[in-house]
Amino acid sequence: MYRILLVDDEPNILSALRRLLAAREADAGPIVEIFTSPREALARASEVAFELVISDYRMPGMDGVAFLKAFREIQPDAVRMILSGYTDFDALMSAINEAGIYRFISKPWRDAELTAAVHQALQMRHLLVENQRLADIIRVERGKLSRQEAELRRLESESPGITKVKWGEDGSVIFDDLEEVEPTEHIEIKPLH
């Protein structure tokens, strides 16, 4: 099973893409998550690993290149694609160079072309991840990478952000997105005799 993230400011496009990918890839059982907000999609990407992300190019607040660049910082192993009704050559080159996109697909898309591109992207990602895993095994055997570093890489690829924990001076874990909460009641715990 694999996860696909779709980002577009048009809900109808997202629904059509979700139906297409779920219908064409039903045997593999993909999990397809959709977002109209690039910022919400980035927040989700820091929680769950995706094999593939497809983004619209023109969206309010953040264009597809900026979104995919930020996404790549969180999940460098995910394959990135842009889907757009605009065929601006400069935008395409920017997407390739800055965001490292795998493929640019024009709107309106042809179903067969899109599903073939998704299939190829997922196959390529599988090969890249497997090559990285095998290279890490060789690095461990040659003493150029510790087993702990290899395991941290594996964990980070499965659960983005898991290895980037902020620790307090007292050994507590610091969560940036949580507000300070005042305790509503003080409970004293007494040891049992």
N, C-alpha and C. Protein backbone atom coordinates (compact mmCIF):
# COMPACT_ATOMS: atom_id res chain seq x y z
N MET A 1 0.84 -1.17 0.00
CA MET A 1 0.00 0.00 0.00
C MET A 1 0.89 1.24 0.00
N TYR A 2 0.47 2.25 -0.70
CA TYR A 2 1.24 3.47 -0.77
C TYR A 2 0.32 4.67 -0.62
N ARG A 3 0.93 5.83 -0.34
CA ARG A 3 0.16 7.07 -0.12
C ARG A 3 0.48 8.08 -1.21
N ILE A 4 -0.57 8.72 -1.68
CA ILE A 4 -0.45 9.79 -2.66
C ILE A 4 -1.09 11.04 -2.07
N LEU A 5 -0.40 12.16 -2.21
CA LEU A 5 -0.91 13.45 -1.74
C LEU A 5 -1.24 14.30 -2.96
N LEU A 6 -2.47 14.81 -3.02
CA LEU A 6 -2.92 15.66 -4.11
C LEU A 6 -3.22 17.05 -3.56
N VAL A 7 -2.69 18.09 -4.22
CA VAL A 7 -2.89 19.46 -3.77
C VAL A 7 -3.33 20.31 -4.96
N ASP A 8 -4.51 20.90 -4.83
CA ASP A 8 -5.05 21.78 -5.87
C ASP A 8 -6.09 22.67 -5.20
N ASP A 9 -6.18 23.91 -5.61
CA ASP A 9 -7.15 24.82 -5.00
C ASP A 9 -8.57 24.59 -5.53
N GLU A 10 -8.74 23.71 -6.48
CA GLU A 10 -10.06 23.40 -7.04
C GLU A 10 -10.53 22.03 -6.53
N PRO A 11 -11.53 22.01 -5.63
CA PRO A 11 -12.03 20.74 -5.08
C PRO A 11 -12.51 19.75 -6.15
N ASN A 12 -13.10 20.25 -7.24
CA ASN A 12 -13.58 19.34 -8.29
C ASN A 12 -12.43 18.59 -8.96
N ILE A 13 -11.31 19.27 -9.15
CA ILE A 13 -10.12 18.62 -9.73
C ILE A 13 -9.64 17.53 -8.79
N LEU A 14 -9.58 17.85 -7.49
CA LEU A 14 -9.12 16.87 -6.50
C LEU A 14 -10.03 15.64 -6.48
N SER A 15 -11.32 15.85 -6.55
CA SER A 15 -12.26 14.72 -6.54
C SER A 15 -12.08 13.86 -7.77
N ALA A 16 -11.91 14.50 -8.93
CA ALA A 16 -11.70 13.73 -10.17
C ALA A 16 -10.40 12.93 -10.12
N LEU A 17 -9.34 13.55 -9.63
CA LEU A 17 -8.07 12.85 -9.52
C LEU A 17 -8.16 11.68 -8.54
N ARG A 18 -8.81 11.91 -7.41
CA ARG A 18 -8.95 10.84 -6.42
C ARG A 18 -9.72 9.66 -7.02
N ARG A 19 -10.83 9.95 -7.70
CA ARG A 19 -11.61 8.87 -8.32
C ARG A 19 -10.77 8.12 -9.35
N LEU A 20 -10.05 8.85 -10.18
CA LEU A 20 -9.23 8.23 -11.22
C LEU A 20 -8.17 7.32 -10.62
N LEU A 21 -7.44 7.81 -9.64
CA LEU A 21 -6.35 7.02 -9.06
C LEU A 21 -6.88 5.84 -8.26
N ALA A 22 -7.98 6.02 -7.57
CA ALA A 22 -8.56 4.91 -6.80
C ALA A 22 -9.12 3.85 -7.73
N ALA A 23 -9.73 4.26 -8.85
CA ALA A 23 -10.31 3.30 -9.79
C ALA A 23 -9.23 2.54 -10.54
N ARG A 24 -8.18 3.24 -10.96
CA ARG A 24 -7.13 2.62 -11.76
C ARG A 24 -6.18 1.78 -10.91
N GLU A 25 -6.02 2.13 -9.66
CA GLU A 25 -5.05 1.46 -8.81
C GLU A 25 -5.73 0.67 -7.69
N ALA A 26 -6.96 0.23 -7.93
CA ALA A 26 -7.75 -0.42 -6.88
C ALA A 26 -7.08 -1.68 -6.32
N ASP A 27 -6.37 -2.41 -7.16
CA ASP A 27 -5.73 -3.64 -6.69
C ASP A 27 -4.62 -3.36 -5.68
N ALA A 28 -3.95 -2.24 -5.80
CA ALA A 28 -2.85 -1.91 -4.89
C ALA A 28 -3.35 -1.19 -3.64
N GLY A 29 -4.57 -0.68 -3.69
CA GLY A 29 -5.15 -0.02 -2.53
C GLY A 29 -4.43 1.23 -2.08
N PRO A 30 -4.26 2.23 -2.96
CA PRO A 30 -3.57 3.44 -2.52
C PRO A 30 -4.40 4.24 -1.53
N ILE A 31 -3.72 4.95 -0.68
CA ILE A 31 -4.37 5.92 0.18
C ILE A 31 -4.13 7.27 -0.48
N VAL A 32 -5.20 7.92 -0.90
CA VAL A 32 -5.10 9.19 -1.59
C VAL A 32 -5.66 10.27 -0.67
N GLU A 33 -4.81 11.22 -0.30
CA GLU A 33 -5.24 12.33 0.55
C GLU A 33 -5.25 13.59 -0.29
N ILE A 34 -6.30 14.40 -0.12
CA ILE A 34 -6.45 15.61 -0.92
C ILE A 34 -6.47 16.85 -0.02
N PHE A 35 -5.88 17.93 -0.55
CA PHE A 35 -5.83 19.21 0.17
C PHE A 35 -6.02 20.36 -0.81
N THR A 36 -6.83 21.34 -0.43
CA THR A 36 -6.95 22.56 -1.22
C THR A 36 -5.97 23.61 -0.73
N SER A 37 -5.38 23.40 0.43
CA SER A 37 -4.42 24.34 1.00
C SER A 37 -3.02 23.74 1.01
N PRO A 38 -2.06 24.38 0.34
CA PRO A 38 -0.69 23.86 0.37
C PRO A 38 -0.11 23.84 1.79
N ARG A 39 -0.45 24.80 2.62
CA ARG A 39 0.08 24.85 3.99
C ARG A 39 -0.45 23.68 4.82
N GLU A 40 -1.72 23.35 4.66
CA GLU A 40 -2.27 22.19 5.38
C GLU A 40 -1.64 20.90 4.87
N ALA A 41 -1.37 20.84 3.58
CA ALA A 41 -0.72 19.65 3.01
C ALA A 41 0.69 19.49 3.56
N LEU A 42 1.40 20.61 3.73
CA LEU A 42 2.75 20.54 4.32
C LEU A 42 2.69 20.07 5.76
N ALA A 43 1.70 20.53 6.49
CA ALA A 43 1.54 20.09 7.88
C ALA A 43 1.30 18.58 7.92
N ARG A 44 0.47 18.09 7.03
CA ARG A 44 0.20 16.65 6.96
C ARG A 44 1.46 15.88 6.56
N ALA A 45 2.25 16.46 5.67
CA ALA A 45 3.48 15.80 5.23
C ALA A 45 4.48 15.65 6.36
N SER A 46 4.39 16.49 7.37
CA SER A 46 5.31 16.35 8.50
C SER A 46 4.84 15.26 9.46
N GLU A 47 3.65 14.71 9.21
CA GLU A 47 3.10 13.65 10.07
C GLU A 47 3.15 12.28 9.42
N VAL A 48 2.96 12.22 8.11
CA VAL A 48 2.80 10.95 7.39
C VAL A 48 3.68 10.95 6.15
N ALA A 49 4.29 9.81 5.86
CA ALA A 49 5.12 9.68 4.66
C ALA A 49 4.26 9.41 3.44
N PHE A 50 4.58 10.09 2.34
CA PHE A 50 3.91 9.90 1.06
C PHE A 50 4.94 9.44 0.05
N GLU A 51 4.52 8.55 -0.82
CA GLU A 51 5.40 8.10 -1.89
C GLU A 51 5.37 9.07 -3.06
N LEU A 52 4.22 9.72 -3.27
CA LEU A 52 4.03 10.60 -4.42
C LEU A 52 3.20 11.80 -4.02
N VAL A 53 3.58 12.98 -4.52
CA VAL A 53 2.79 14.19 -4.34
C VAL A 53 2.58 14.82 -5.72
N ILE A 54 1.32 15.18 -5.99
CA ILE A 54 0.97 15.86 -7.24
C ILE A 54 0.35 17.19 -6.85
N SER A 55 0.91 18.27 -7.38
CA SER A 55 0.44 19.60 -7.03
C SER A 55 0.08 20.40 -8.27
N ASP A 56 -0.94 21.22 -8.12
CA ASP A 56 -1.27 22.21 -9.14
C ASP A 56 -0.15 23.24 -9.14
N TYR A 57 0.05 23.91 -10.27
CA TYR A 57 1.08 24.94 -10.32
C TYR A 57 0.60 26.27 -9.75
N ARG A 58 -0.57 26.72 -10.17
CA ARG A 58 -1.06 28.03 -9.73
C ARG A 58 -2.11 27.84 -8.64
N MET A 59 -1.75 28.26 -7.44
CA MET A 59 -2.66 28.22 -6.31
C MET A 59 -2.51 29.52 -5.53
N PRO A 60 -3.57 30.00 -4.91
CA PRO A 60 -3.45 31.23 -4.12
C PRO A 60 -2.60 30.98 -2.87
N GLY A 61 -1.78 31.95 -2.53
CA GLY A 61 -0.97 31.86 -1.32
C GLY A 61 0.38 31.21 -1.50
N MET A 62 0.45 30.16 -2.30
CA MET A 62 1.72 29.45 -2.52
C MET A 62 1.62 28.70 -3.84
N ASP A 63 2.54 28.97 -4.75
CA ASP A 63 2.47 28.25 -6.02
C ASP A 63 3.04 26.85 -5.87
N GLY A 64 2.85 26.04 -6.91
CA GLY A 64 3.26 24.65 -6.86
C GLY A 64 4.75 24.45 -6.66
N VAL A 65 5.57 25.32 -7.26
CA VAL A 65 7.03 25.18 -7.11
C VAL A 65 7.43 25.44 -5.66
N ALA A 66 6.92 26.51 -5.06
CA ALA A 66 7.23 26.80 -3.66
C ALA A 66 6.74 25.68 -2.75
N PHE A 67 5.54 25.17 -3.03
CA PHE A 67 5.00 24.07 -2.22
C PHE A 67 5.88 22.84 -2.34
N LEU A 68 6.25 22.46 -3.56
CA LEU A 68 7.05 21.25 -3.75
C LEU A 68 8.46 21.39 -3.20
N LYS A 69 9.02 22.60 -3.25
CA LYS A 69 10.33 22.84 -2.61
C LYS A 69 10.23 22.60 -1.11
N ALA A 70 9.19 23.15 -0.48
CA ALA A 70 9.00 22.96 0.95
C ALA A 70 8.71 21.49 1.27
N PHE A 71 7.94 20.84 0.42
CA PHE A 71 7.63 19.42 0.60
C PHE A 71 8.90 18.58 0.53
N ARG A 72 9.77 18.92 -0.42
CA ARG A 72 11.03 18.18 -0.57
C ARG A 72 11.90 18.28 0.67
N GLU A 73 11.86 19.42 1.37
CA GLU A 73 12.61 19.57 2.62
C GLU A 73 12.11 18.59 3.68
N ILE A 74 10.80 18.33 3.68
CA ILE A 74 10.21 17.42 4.67
C ILE A 74 10.39 15.97 4.25
N GLN A 75 10.12 15.68 2.98
CA GLN A 75 10.16 14.31 2.47
C GLN A 75 10.95 14.24 1.16
N PRO A 76 12.26 14.18 1.27
CA PRO A 76 13.09 14.20 0.05
C PRO A 76 12.92 12.96 -0.83
N ASP A 77 12.44 11.85 -0.28
CA ASP A 77 12.31 10.62 -1.07
C ASP A 77 11.01 10.53 -1.85
N ALA A 78 10.06 11.41 -1.58
CA ALA A 78 8.78 11.37 -2.30
C ALA A 78 8.97 11.89 -3.72
N VAL A 79 8.27 11.30 -4.65
CA VAL A 79 8.31 11.77 -6.04
C VAL A 79 7.34 12.94 -6.15
N ARG A 80 7.79 13.98 -6.87
CA ARG A 80 7.00 15.20 -6.99
C ARG A 80 6.61 15.43 -8.45
N MET A 81 5.31 15.74 -8.64
CA MET A 81 4.80 16.03 -9.98
C MET A 81 3.97 17.31 -9.93
N ILE A 82 3.92 18.01 -11.07
CA ILE A 82 3.08 19.20 -11.19
C ILE A 82 2.03 18.95 -12.27
N LEU A 83 0.82 19.36 -11.96
CA LEU A 83 -0.31 19.27 -12.87
C LEU A 83 -0.79 20.69 -13.09
N SER A 84 -0.81 21.17 -14.32
CA SER A 84 -1.16 22.57 -14.53
C SER A 84 -1.78 22.82 -15.90
N GLY A 85 -2.67 23.80 -15.92
CA GLY A 85 -3.26 24.24 -17.17
C GLY A 85 -2.40 25.26 -17.88
N TYR A 86 -1.34 25.71 -17.22
CA TYR A 86 -0.44 26.71 -17.79
C TYR A 86 0.83 26.02 -18.26
N THR A 87 1.24 26.30 -19.47
CA THR A 87 2.45 25.69 -20.02
C THR A 87 3.53 26.75 -20.16
N ASP A 88 3.82 27.39 -19.08
CA ASP A 88 4.86 28.42 -19.04
C ASP A 88 6.21 27.72 -18.96
N PHE A 89 7.04 27.88 -19.99
CA PHE A 89 8.33 27.20 -20.05
C PHE A 89 9.22 27.57 -18.87
N ASP A 90 9.24 28.86 -18.48
CA ASP A 90 10.06 29.29 -17.34
C ASP A 90 9.59 28.64 -16.05
N ALA A 91 8.27 28.53 -15.89
CA ALA A 91 7.73 27.88 -14.69
C ALA A 91 8.12 26.41 -14.67
N LEU A 92 8.06 25.77 -15.82
CA LEU A 92 8.44 24.37 -15.91
C LEU A 92 9.91 24.17 -15.54
N MET A 93 10.78 25.01 -16.06
CA MET A 93 12.21 24.90 -15.75
C MET A 93 12.45 25.17 -14.26
N SER A 94 11.74 26.14 -13.71
CA SER A 94 11.86 26.43 -12.28
C SER A 94 11.44 25.23 -11.45
N ALA A 95 10.35 24.59 -11.86
CA ALA A 95 9.87 23.42 -11.13
C ALA A 95 10.88 22.28 -11.18
N ILE A 96 11.47 22.09 -12.32
CA ILE A 96 12.46 21.02 -12.47
C ILE A 96 13.71 21.32 -11.64
N ASN A 97 14.21 22.54 -11.76
CA ASN A 97 15.46 22.90 -11.09
C ASN A 97 15.31 23.13 -9.59
N GLU A 98 14.27 23.80 -9.17
CA GLU A 98 14.13 24.17 -7.76
C GLU A 98 13.44 23.10 -6.93
N ALA A 99 12.41 22.48 -7.48
CA ALA A 99 11.63 21.53 -6.70
C ALA A 99 11.95 20.08 -7.04
N GLY A 100 12.76 19.86 -8.06
CA GLY A 100 13.12 18.50 -8.44
C GLY A 100 11.92 17.66 -8.86
N ILE A 101 11.04 18.24 -9.69
CA ILE A 101 9.87 17.47 -10.08
C ILE A 101 10.26 16.35 -11.04
N TYR A 102 9.49 15.30 -10.99
CA TYR A 102 9.69 14.14 -11.86
C TYR A 102 8.99 14.35 -13.19
N ARG A 103 7.80 14.97 -13.13
CA ARG A 103 7.00 15.08 -14.35
C ARG A 103 6.07 16.28 -14.27
N PHE A 104 5.83 16.90 -15.41
CA PHE A 104 4.88 18.00 -15.57
C PHE A 104 3.77 17.48 -16.46
N ILE A 105 2.53 17.51 -15.97
CA ILE A 105 1.40 17.02 -16.75
C ILE A 105 0.42 18.18 -16.96
N SER A 106 -0.02 18.36 -18.20
CA SER A 106 -0.92 19.46 -18.55
C SER A 106 -2.37 19.13 -18.21
N LYS A 107 -3.09 20.18 -17.79
CA LYS A 107 -4.54 20.10 -17.64
C LYS A 107 -5.15 20.59 -18.94
N PRO A 108 -6.18 20.01 -19.44
CA PRO A 108 -6.80 18.79 -18.93
C PRO A 108 -5.91 17.60 -19.27
N TRP A 109 -5.85 16.67 -18.37
CA TRP A 109 -5.00 15.50 -18.55
C TRP A 109 -5.76 14.39 -19.26
N ARG A 110 -5.00 13.49 -19.82
CA ARG A 110 -5.58 12.26 -20.37
C ARG A 110 -5.40 11.19 -19.30
N ASP A 111 -6.48 10.51 -18.98
CA ASP A 111 -6.46 9.53 -17.88
C ASP A 111 -5.34 8.51 -18.03
N ALA A 112 -5.18 7.97 -19.23
CA ALA A 112 -4.15 6.94 -19.45
C ALA A 112 -2.75 7.51 -19.22
N GLU A 113 -2.52 8.75 -19.68
CA GLU A 113 -1.22 9.38 -19.49
C GLU A 113 -0.93 9.62 -18.01
N LEU A 114 -1.92 10.12 -17.29
CA LEU A 114 -1.73 10.42 -15.88
C LEU A 114 -1.49 9.14 -15.07
N THR A 115 -2.30 8.12 -15.29
CA THR A 115 -2.11 6.89 -14.52
C THR A 115 -0.79 6.21 -14.87
N ALA A 116 -0.38 6.29 -16.13
CA ALA A 116 0.92 5.72 -16.51
C ALA A 116 2.05 6.48 -15.82
N ALA A 117 1.95 7.82 -15.77
CA ALA A 117 2.97 8.63 -15.10
C ALA A 117 3.03 8.32 -13.61
N VAL A 118 1.88 8.13 -12.99
CA VAL A 118 1.84 7.78 -11.56
C VAL A 118 2.49 6.42 -11.34
N HIS A 119 2.16 5.46 -12.17
CA HIS A 119 2.75 4.12 -12.05
C HIS A 119 4.27 4.17 -12.21
N GLN A 120 4.75 4.89 -13.22
CA GLN A 120 6.19 5.02 -13.45
C GLN A 120 6.87 5.73 -12.29
N ALA A 121 6.24 6.77 -11.77
CA ALA A 121 6.82 7.52 -10.65
C ALA A 121 6.96 6.64 -9.42
N LEU A 122 5.94 5.84 -9.15
CA LEU A 122 6.00 4.96 -7.97
C LEU A 122 7.05 3.87 -8.15
N GLN A 123 7.20 3.35 -9.37
CA GLN A 123 8.24 2.35 -9.63
C GLN A 123 9.63 2.97 -9.44
N MET A 124 9.82 4.20 -9.96
CA MET A 124 11.10 4.86 -9.82
C MET A 124 11.42 5.10 -8.35
N ARG A 125 10.45 5.55 -7.58
CA ARG A 125 10.67 5.81 -6.16
C ARG A 125 11.06 4.52 -5.43
N HIS A 126 10.38 3.44 -5.76
CA HIS A 126 10.70 2.15 -5.12
C HIS A 126 12.16 1.78 -5.40
N LEU A 127 12.60 1.94 -6.63
CA LEU A 127 13.99 1.63 -6.98
C LEU A 127 14.98 2.54 -6.26
N LEU A 128 14.68 3.83 -6.17
CA LEU A 128 15.58 4.77 -5.49
C LEU A 128 15.69 4.45 -4.00
N VAL A 129 14.57 4.15 -3.37
CA VAL A 129 14.59 3.83 -1.93
C VAL A 129 15.33 2.52 -1.68
N GLU A 130 15.12 1.55 -2.54
CA GLU A 130 15.82 0.26 -2.40
C GLU A 130 17.31 0.44 -2.62
N ASN A 131 17.70 1.25 -3.60
CA ASN A 131 19.13 1.51 -3.83
C ASN A 131 19.75 2.19 -2.62
N GLN A 132 19.04 3.14 -2.02
CA GLN A 132 19.55 3.84 -0.82
C GLN A 132 19.72 2.85 0.33
N ARG A 133 18.74 1.95 0.50
CA ARG A 133 18.82 0.95 1.57
C ARG A 133 20.04 0.04 1.36
N LEU A 134 20.24 -0.42 0.14
CA LEU A 134 21.38 -1.30 -0.14
C LEU A 134 22.71 -0.55 0.02
N ALA A 135 22.75 0.71 -0.41
CA ALA A 135 23.97 1.52 -0.23
C ALA A 135 24.27 1.72 1.25
N ASP A 136 23.24 1.91 2.07
CA ASP A 136 23.44 2.07 3.50
C ASP A 136 23.99 0.78 4.13
N ILE A 137 23.53 -0.36 3.65
CA ILE A 137 24.06 -1.64 4.16
C ILE A 137 25.55 -1.74 3.86
N ILE A 138 25.93 -1.38 2.65
CA ILE A 138 27.35 -1.43 2.27
C ILE A 138 28.15 -0.43 3.10
N ARG A 139 27.61 0.78 3.32
CA ARG A 139 28.31 1.78 4.14
C ARG A 139 28.51 1.29 5.56
N VAL A 140 27.51 0.59 6.11
CA VAL A 140 27.64 0.04 7.46
C VAL A 140 28.74 -1.02 7.48
N GLU A 141 28.73 -1.91 6.49
CA GLU A 141 29.73 -2.97 6.43
C GLU A 141 31.14 -2.41 6.27
N ARG A 142 31.29 -1.30 5.59
CA ARG A 142 32.61 -0.70 5.38
C ARG A 142 32.97 0.28 6.50
N GLY A 143 32.10 0.44 7.44
CA GLY A 143 32.39 1.32 8.57
C GLY A 143 32.23 2.81 8.27
N LYS A 144 31.59 3.14 7.16
CA LYS A 144 31.40 4.54 6.81
C LYS A 144 30.07 5.09 7.33
N LEU A 145 29.25 4.21 7.88
CA LEU A 145 27.96 4.58 8.43
C LEU A 145 27.67 3.64 9.58
N SER A 146 27.27 4.20 10.71
CA SER A 146 26.96 3.33 11.84
C SER A 146 25.58 2.71 11.65
N ARG A 147 25.34 1.61 12.34
CA ARG A 147 24.03 0.97 12.27
C ARG A 147 22.95 1.93 12.77
N GLN A 148 23.31 2.73 13.77
CA GLN A 148 22.36 3.69 14.33
C GLN A 148 21.98 4.74 13.27
N GLU A 149 22.97 5.25 12.54
CA GLU A 149 22.68 6.24 11.49
C GLU A 149 21.82 5.62 10.38
N ALA A 150 22.08 4.38 10.02
CA ALA A 150 21.28 3.71 9.00
C ALA A 150 19.85 3.53 9.47
N GLU A 151 19.69 3.17 10.73
CA GLU A 151 18.35 2.99 11.29
C GLU A 151 17.61 4.33 11.37
N LEU A 152 18.32 5.40 11.73
CA LEU A 152 17.70 6.73 11.77
C LEU A 152 17.22 7.14 10.38
N ARG A 153 18.00 6.86 9.36
CA ARG A 153 17.59 7.17 7.98
C ARG A 153 16.32 6.40 7.61
N ARG A 154 16.30 5.12 7.99
CA ARG A 154 15.13 4.29 7.68
C ARG A 154 13.90 4.82 8.39
N LEU A 155 14.03 5.14 9.67
CA LEU A 155 12.90 5.66 10.44
C LEU A 155 12.40 6.99 9.88
N GLU A 156 13.33 7.85 9.50
CA GLU A 156 12.95 9.16 8.96
C GLU A 156 12.20 9.01 7.64
N SER A 157 12.59 8.04 6.82
CA SER A 157 11.89 7.85 5.55
C SER A 157 10.48 7.30 5.77
N GLU A 158 10.29 6.50 6.82
CA GLU A 158 8.96 5.95 7.12
C GLU A 158 8.07 6.96 7.83
N SER A 159 8.64 7.74 8.75
CA SER A 159 7.87 8.70 9.55
C SER A 159 8.62 10.03 9.58
N PRO A 160 8.35 10.90 8.61
CA PRO A 160 9.08 12.17 8.54
C PRO A 160 9.03 12.95 9.84
N GLY A 161 10.18 13.45 10.26
CA GLY A 161 10.25 14.28 11.46
C GLY A 161 10.50 13.52 12.74
N ILE A 162 10.44 12.19 12.68
CA ILE A 162 10.56 11.40 13.92
C ILE A 162 11.95 11.52 14.55
N THR A 163 12.95 11.79 13.74
CA THR A 163 14.31 11.88 14.27
C THR A 163 14.69 13.31 14.62
N LYS A 164 13.76 14.24 14.42
CA LYS A 164 14.06 15.65 14.68
C LYS A 164 13.29 16.13 15.91
N VAL A 165 13.53 15.52 17.02
CA VAL A 165 12.85 15.86 18.26
C VAL A 165 13.61 16.98 18.96
N LYS A 166 12.85 17.97 19.45
CA LYS A 166 13.46 19.05 20.23
C LYS A 166 13.34 18.68 21.71
N TRP A 167 14.48 18.70 22.39
CA TRP A 167 14.53 18.32 23.80
C TRP A 167 14.69 19.55 24.67
N GLY A 168 14.00 19.56 25.81
CA GLY A 168 14.16 20.61 26.80
C GLY A 168 15.36 20.30 27.68
N GLU A 169 15.80 21.29 28.48
CA GLU A 169 16.95 21.08 29.37
C GLU A 169 16.70 19.98 30.38
N ASP A 170 15.43 19.78 30.76
CA ASP A 170 15.09 18.76 31.74
C ASP A 170 14.81 17.39 31.12
N GLY A 171 15.03 17.27 29.80
CA GLY A 171 14.81 15.99 29.13
C GLY A 171 13.41 15.84 28.56
N SER A 172 12.60 16.88 28.68
CA SER A 172 11.25 16.82 28.14
C SER A 172 11.27 17.06 26.62
N VAL A 173 10.21 16.65 25.97
CA VAL A 173 10.06 16.87 24.53
C VAL A 173 9.31 18.18 24.34
N ILE A 174 9.82 19.03 23.44
CA ILE A 174 9.20 20.34 23.18
C ILE A 174 8.40 20.25 21.90
N PHE A 175 7.11 20.63 21.99
CA PHE A 175 6.23 20.68 20.83
C PHE A 175 6.01 22.13 20.48
N ASP A 176 6.41 22.53 19.26
CA ASP A 176 6.28 23.91 18.83
C ASP A 176 4.84 24.35 18.63
N ASP A 177 3.99 23.45 18.15
CA ASP A 177 2.66 23.87 17.77
C ASP A 177 1.63 23.80 18.90
N LEU A 178 2.04 23.45 20.09
CA LEU A 178 1.11 23.39 21.20
C LEU A 178 1.23 24.64 22.06
N GLU A 179 0.08 25.14 22.50
CA GLU A 179 0.08 26.30 23.37
C GLU A 179 0.35 25.86 24.80
N GLU A 180 0.85 26.79 25.61
CA GLU A 180 1.02 26.51 27.03
C GLU A 180 -0.37 26.34 27.64
N VAL A 181 -0.57 25.29 28.35
CA VAL A 181 -1.85 25.02 28.98
C VAL A 181 -1.67 25.07 30.48
N GLU A 182 -2.49 25.88 31.14
CA GLU A 182 -2.45 25.97 32.60
C GLU A 182 -3.19 24.77 33.17
N PRO A 183 -2.62 24.12 34.16
CA PRO A 183 -3.34 23.01 34.78
C PRO A 183 -4.59 23.53 35.47
N THR A 184 -5.70 22.81 35.29
CA THR A 184 -6.96 23.25 35.90
C THR A 184 -7.09 22.72 37.33
N GLU A 185 -6.36 21.72 37.66
CA GLU A 185 -6.47 21.13 38.99
C GLU A 185 -5.13 20.51 39.36
N HIS A 186 -4.75 20.67 40.59
CA HIS A 186 -3.50 20.07 41.05
C HIS A 186 -3.86 18.80 41.80
N ILE A 187 -3.27 17.71 41.39
CA ILE A 187 -3.52 16.42 42.03
C ILE A 187 -2.23 15.96 42.67
N GLU A 188 -2.33 15.65 43.94
CA GLU A 188 -1.15 15.15 44.66
C GLU A 188 -1.21 13.64 44.68
N ILE A 189 -0.14 13.02 44.24
CA ILE A 189 -0.07 11.55 44.23
C ILE A 189 0.77 11.11 45.41
N LYS A 190 0.16 10.27 46.25
CA LYS A 190 0.86 9.78 47.43
C LYS A 190 1.23 8.33 47.19
N PRO A 191 2.44 7.96 47.63
CA PRO A 191 2.84 6.55 47.46
C PRO A 191 2.00 5.62 48.32
N LEU A 192 1.78 4.41 47.81
CA LEU A 192 1.06 3.40 48.57
C LEU A 192 1.97 2.78 49.63
N HIS A 193 1.41 2.51 50.78
CA HIS A 193 2.21 1.89 51.88
C HIS A 193 2.01 0.42 51.94
